Amino acid sequence: STVMVLRNMVDPRDIDDDLEGEVTEECGKFGAVNRVIIYQEKQGEEEDAEIIVKIFVEFSMSSETQKAIQALNGRWFAGRKVVAEVYDQERFDNSDLSA
């Protein structure tokens, strides 16, 4: 897979116009970034349901994805411990960001 998902990197309240650019720049250290998707996932139907932010980064090669995961998984960002892992290519290509 050429896709990495970053979990627990930001709180929904911390999303701003700069975030996508910051992620693209940081991940650009590991390879060519094709696109970044910032996805907010509501954890239920209730109005006050928790929202989890997942950041998807698509690289041009899977080797770049692996390099980025090794560097970013377990790293602290703004007081939060980031989880970086491979994301299923087929799901991503079908715009399924739910996994």
N, C-alpha and C. Protein backbone atom coordinates (compact mmCIF):
# COMPACT_ATOMS: atom_id res chain seq x y z
N SER A 1 0.84 -1.20 0.00
CA SER A 1 0.00 0.00 0.00
C SER A 1 0.87 1.25 0.00
N THR A 2 0.41 2.27 -0.67
CA THR A 2 1.13 3.56 -0.67
C THR A 2 0.48 4.53 0.31
N VAL A 3 -0.46 4.02 1.12
CA VAL A 3 -1.24 4.91 1.99
C VAL A 3 -0.92 4.65 3.46
N MET A 4 -0.71 5.74 4.18
CA MET A 4 -0.49 5.70 5.62
C MET A 4 -1.65 6.45 6.28
N VAL A 5 -2.08 5.94 7.43
CA VAL A 5 -3.06 6.68 8.22
C VAL A 5 -2.40 7.10 9.53
N LEU A 6 -2.61 8.35 9.91
CA LEU A 6 -2.11 8.88 11.18
C LEU A 6 -3.31 9.05 12.10
N ARG A 7 -3.24 8.41 13.24
CA ARG A 7 -4.32 8.51 14.22
C ARG A 7 -3.81 9.23 15.47
N ASN A 8 -4.72 9.89 16.17
CA ASN A 8 -4.41 10.58 17.43
C ASN A 8 -3.42 11.72 17.26
N MET A 9 -3.34 12.27 16.06
CA MET A 9 -2.38 13.36 15.84
C MET A 9 -2.94 14.71 16.26
N VAL A 10 -4.22 14.93 15.96
CA VAL A 10 -4.84 16.20 16.32
C VAL A 10 -6.25 15.98 16.86
N ASP A 11 -6.67 16.93 17.66
CA ASP A 11 -8.03 17.01 18.16
C ASP A 11 -8.84 17.73 17.08
N PRO A 12 -10.13 17.40 16.94
CA PRO A 12 -10.94 18.11 15.94
C PRO A 12 -10.86 19.64 16.07
N ARG A 13 -10.71 20.12 17.30
CA ARG A 13 -10.64 21.58 17.53
C ARG A 13 -9.33 22.18 17.02
N ASP A 14 -8.33 21.32 16.78
CA ASP A 14 -7.02 21.81 16.35
C ASP A 14 -6.86 21.84 14.84
N ILE A 15 -7.89 21.43 14.11
CA ILE A 15 -7.79 21.44 12.65
C ILE A 15 -7.88 22.88 12.16
N ASP A 16 -6.90 23.27 11.36
CA ASP A 16 -6.94 24.61 10.77
C ASP A 16 -6.48 24.53 9.32
N ASP A 17 -6.44 25.67 8.66
CA ASP A 17 -6.09 25.70 7.24
C ASP A 17 -4.65 25.29 6.98
N ASP A 18 -3.81 25.36 8.01
CA ASP A 18 -2.39 25.05 7.82
C ASP A 18 -2.09 23.56 7.95
N LEU A 19 -3.00 22.81 8.55
CA LEU A 19 -2.70 21.42 8.91
C LEU A 19 -2.31 20.58 7.69
N GLU A 20 -3.08 20.67 6.63
CA GLU A 20 -2.79 19.86 5.44
C GLU A 20 -1.40 20.16 4.89
N GLY A 21 -1.06 21.44 4.83
CA GLY A 21 0.26 21.84 4.35
C GLY A 21 1.38 21.36 5.26
N GLU A 22 1.15 21.43 6.57
CA GLU A 22 2.15 20.98 7.54
C GLU A 22 2.39 19.48 7.40
N VAL A 23 1.32 18.72 7.25
CA VAL A 23 1.44 17.27 7.10
C VAL A 23 2.16 16.94 5.79
N THR A 24 1.79 17.63 4.72
CA THR A 24 2.41 17.40 3.41
C THR A 24 3.91 17.68 3.48
N GLU A 25 4.26 18.79 4.15
CA GLU A 25 5.67 19.17 4.28
C GLU A 25 6.45 18.15 5.11
N GLU A 26 5.90 17.76 6.25
CA GLU A 26 6.56 16.80 7.14
C GLU A 26 6.74 15.45 6.44
N CYS A 27 5.69 14.99 5.78
CA CYS A 27 5.75 13.68 5.13
C CYS A 27 6.58 13.72 3.85
N GLY A 28 6.77 14.92 3.30
CA GLY A 28 7.61 15.08 2.13
C GLY A 28 9.06 14.72 2.39
N LYS A 29 9.44 14.63 3.66
CA LYS A 29 10.80 14.22 4.02
C LYS A 29 11.03 12.74 3.69
N PHE A 30 9.94 12.00 3.53
CA PHE A 30 10.05 10.55 3.34
C PHE A 30 9.78 10.13 1.90
N GLY A 31 9.28 11.06 1.09
CA GLY A 31 9.01 10.73 -0.31
C GLY A 31 8.01 11.69 -0.92
N ALA A 32 7.58 11.35 -2.13
CA ALA A 32 6.64 12.21 -2.86
C ALA A 32 5.22 11.97 -2.35
N VAL A 33 4.62 13.02 -1.82
CA VAL A 33 3.25 12.93 -1.29
C VAL A 33 2.26 13.25 -2.42
N ASN A 34 1.40 12.29 -2.72
CA ASN A 34 0.38 12.51 -3.77
C ASN A 34 -0.79 13.31 -3.23
N ARG A 35 -1.27 12.92 -2.04
CA ARG A 35 -2.36 13.69 -1.45
C ARG A 35 -2.48 13.41 0.04
N VAL A 36 -3.10 14.38 0.70
CA VAL A 36 -3.37 14.30 2.15
C VAL A 36 -4.87 14.51 2.33
N ILE A 37 -5.49 13.62 3.10
CA ILE A 37 -6.91 13.77 3.40
C ILE A 37 -7.07 13.83 4.91
N ILE A 38 -7.71 14.89 5.39
CA ILE A 38 -8.00 15.01 6.82
C ILE A 38 -9.46 14.63 7.00
N TYR A 39 -9.68 13.55 7.72
CA TYR A 39 -11.01 12.95 7.81
C TYR A 39 -11.48 12.96 9.26
N GLN A 40 -12.66 13.54 9.48
CA GLN A 40 -13.25 13.56 10.82
C GLN A 40 -14.36 12.51 10.87
N GLU A 41 -14.20 11.59 11.81
CA GLU A 41 -15.14 10.47 11.90
C GLU A 41 -15.91 10.54 13.21
N LYS A 42 -17.21 10.71 13.10
CA LYS A 42 -18.07 10.76 14.28
C LYS A 42 -18.26 9.33 14.79
N GLN A 43 -18.13 9.15 16.09
CA GLN A 43 -18.16 7.81 16.68
C GLN A 43 -19.56 7.39 17.12
N GLY A 44 -20.58 7.97 16.54
CA GLY A 44 -21.95 7.61 16.90
C GLY A 44 -22.91 8.62 16.31
N GLU A 45 -24.20 8.37 16.48
CA GLU A 45 -25.22 9.24 15.90
C GLU A 45 -25.57 10.42 16.81
N GLU A 46 -25.23 10.31 18.10
CA GLU A 46 -25.59 11.36 19.05
C GLU A 46 -24.91 12.67 18.67
N GLU A 47 -25.56 13.76 19.03
CA GLU A 47 -25.01 15.07 18.69
C GLU A 47 -23.65 15.31 19.34
N ASP A 48 -23.47 14.78 20.56
CA ASP A 48 -22.21 15.02 21.27
C ASP A 48 -21.25 13.83 21.14
N ALA A 49 -21.45 12.99 20.14
CA ALA A 49 -20.57 11.83 19.95
C ALA A 49 -19.14 12.31 19.69
N GLU A 50 -18.20 11.52 20.19
CA GLU A 50 -16.79 11.86 20.00
C GLU A 50 -16.44 11.87 18.52
N ILE A 51 -15.56 12.78 18.14
CA ILE A 51 -15.08 12.83 16.76
C ILE A 51 -13.59 12.48 16.76
N ILE A 52 -13.24 11.52 15.93
CA ILE A 52 -11.85 11.10 15.79
C ILE A 52 -11.32 11.62 14.47
N VAL A 53 -10.12 12.17 14.50
CA VAL A 53 -9.50 12.69 13.28
C VAL A 53 -8.49 11.67 12.77
N LYS A 54 -8.64 11.30 11.51
CA LYS A 54 -7.66 10.43 10.86
C LYS A 54 -7.07 11.21 9.69
N ILE A 55 -5.76 11.15 9.57
CA ILE A 55 -5.09 11.85 8.48
C ILE A 55 -4.49 10.79 7.56
N PHE A 56 -4.94 10.80 6.32
CA PHE A 56 -4.45 9.84 5.33
C PHE A 56 -3.42 10.53 4.45
N VAL A 57 -2.30 9.84 4.25
CA VAL A 57 -1.24 10.37 3.40
C VAL A 57 -0.93 9.33 2.33
N GLU A 58 -1.08 9.73 1.08
CA GLU A 58 -0.77 8.82 -0.02
C GLU A 58 0.56 9.22 -0.63
N PHE A 59 1.49 8.27 -0.63
CA PHE A 59 2.81 8.48 -1.24
C PHE A 59 2.81 7.87 -2.65
N SER A 60 3.86 8.14 -3.41
CA SER A 60 3.92 7.56 -4.75
C SER A 60 4.43 6.12 -4.72
N MET A 61 5.19 5.75 -3.67
CA MET A 61 5.70 4.38 -3.59
C MET A 61 5.50 3.82 -2.18
N SER A 62 5.27 2.51 -2.11
CA SER A 62 5.03 1.88 -0.81
C SER A 62 6.27 1.93 0.09
N SER A 63 7.46 1.97 -0.51
CA SER A 63 8.68 2.06 0.31
C SER A 63 8.72 3.39 1.07
N GLU A 64 8.18 4.44 0.46
CA GLU A 64 8.13 5.74 1.12
C GLU A 64 7.13 5.70 2.28
N THR A 65 6.03 5.00 2.06
CA THR A 65 5.03 4.83 3.11
C THR A 65 5.66 4.16 4.32
N GLN A 66 6.43 3.10 4.08
CA GLN A 66 7.08 2.37 5.17
C GLN A 66 8.07 3.26 5.94
N LYS A 67 8.83 4.06 5.20
CA LYS A 67 9.79 4.98 5.84
C LYS A 67 9.07 5.97 6.76
N ALA A 68 7.97 6.51 6.26
CA ALA A 68 7.21 7.50 7.03
C ALA A 68 6.64 6.86 8.29
N ILE A 69 6.11 5.65 8.16
CA ILE A 69 5.52 4.97 9.32
C ILE A 69 6.59 4.72 10.38
N GLN A 70 7.75 4.25 9.95
CA GLN A 70 8.83 4.00 10.91
C GLN A 70 9.23 5.26 11.66
N ALA A 71 9.22 6.39 10.96
CA ALA A 71 9.65 7.65 11.57
C ALA A 71 8.57 8.26 12.46
N LEU A 72 7.30 8.09 12.08
CA LEU A 72 6.23 8.83 12.76
C LEU A 72 5.48 8.03 13.82
N ASN A 73 5.45 6.71 13.71
CA ASN A 73 4.68 5.93 14.67
C ASN A 73 5.29 6.06 16.07
N GLY A 74 4.46 6.43 17.03
CA GLY A 74 4.93 6.57 18.41
C GLY A 74 5.55 7.93 18.71
N ARG A 75 5.61 8.80 17.70
CA ARG A 75 6.19 10.13 17.90
C ARG A 75 5.17 11.03 18.59
N TRP A 76 5.66 11.96 19.37
CA TRP A 76 4.77 12.91 20.05
C TRP A 76 4.57 14.13 19.18
N PHE A 77 3.33 14.57 19.06
CA PHE A 77 2.99 15.75 18.28
C PHE A 77 1.97 16.54 19.08
N ALA A 78 2.33 17.75 19.46
CA ALA A 78 1.43 18.62 20.24
C ALA A 78 0.85 17.89 21.45
N GLY A 79 1.71 17.16 22.16
CA GLY A 79 1.28 16.49 23.38
C GLY A 79 0.48 15.22 23.17
N ARG A 80 0.44 14.72 21.95
CA ARG A 80 -0.30 13.50 21.65
C ARG A 80 0.64 12.48 21.02
N LYS A 81 0.47 11.22 21.39
CA LYS A 81 1.30 10.16 20.81
C LYS A 81 0.64 9.67 19.52
N VAL A 82 1.34 9.85 18.42
CA VAL A 82 0.80 9.54 17.09
C VAL A 82 0.89 8.04 16.81
N VAL A 83 -0.16 7.50 16.22
CA VAL A 83 -0.15 6.13 15.71
C VAL A 83 -0.13 6.24 14.19
N ALA A 84 0.91 5.68 13.58
CA ALA A 84 1.02 5.69 12.11
C ALA A 84 1.03 4.25 11.64
N GLU A 85 0.15 3.94 10.69
CA GLU A 85 0.11 2.57 10.17
C GLU A 85 -0.30 2.55 8.71
N VAL A 86 -0.04 1.42 8.08
CA VAL A 86 -0.42 1.23 6.67
C VAL A 86 -1.93 1.19 6.58
N TYR A 87 -2.47 1.76 5.50
CA TYR A 87 -3.91 1.70 5.26
C TYR A 87 -4.16 0.92 3.98
N ASP A 88 -5.21 0.12 4.00
CA ASP A 88 -5.54 -0.74 2.87
C ASP A 88 -5.74 0.07 1.58
N GLN A 89 -4.95 -0.26 0.57
CA GLN A 89 -4.98 0.50 -0.69
C GLN A 89 -6.35 0.45 -1.37
N GLU A 90 -6.95 -0.73 -1.38
CA GLU A 90 -8.24 -0.89 -2.06
C GLU A 90 -9.33 -0.05 -1.38
N ARG A 91 -9.35 -0.09 -0.05
CA ARG A 91 -10.32 0.73 0.69
C ARG A 91 -10.12 2.21 0.36
N PHE A 92 -8.86 2.63 0.40
CA PHE A 92 -8.55 4.04 0.13
C PHE A 92 -8.98 4.43 -1.28
N ASP A 93 -8.65 3.58 -2.24
CA ASP A 93 -9.00 3.86 -3.64
C ASP A 93 -10.51 3.94 -3.85
N ASN A 94 -11.25 3.22 -3.00
CA ASN A 94 -12.72 3.24 -3.07
C ASN A 94 -13.33 4.28 -2.13
N SER A 95 -12.48 5.18 -1.62
CA SER A 95 -12.91 6.25 -0.69
C SER A 95 -13.56 5.72 0.58
N ASP A 96 -13.13 4.52 1.00
CA ASP A 96 -13.60 3.96 2.27
C ASP A 96 -12.55 4.29 3.33
N LEU A 97 -12.86 5.30 4.15
CA LEU A 97 -11.90 5.76 5.16
C LEU A 97 -12.30 5.31 6.56
N SER A 98 -13.17 4.30 6.63
CA SER A 98 -13.78 3.94 7.91
C SER A 98 -12.96 2.96 8.74
N ALA A 99 -11.96 2.31 8.15
CA ALA A 99 -11.24 1.25 8.88
C ALA A 99 -10.26 1.83 9.89
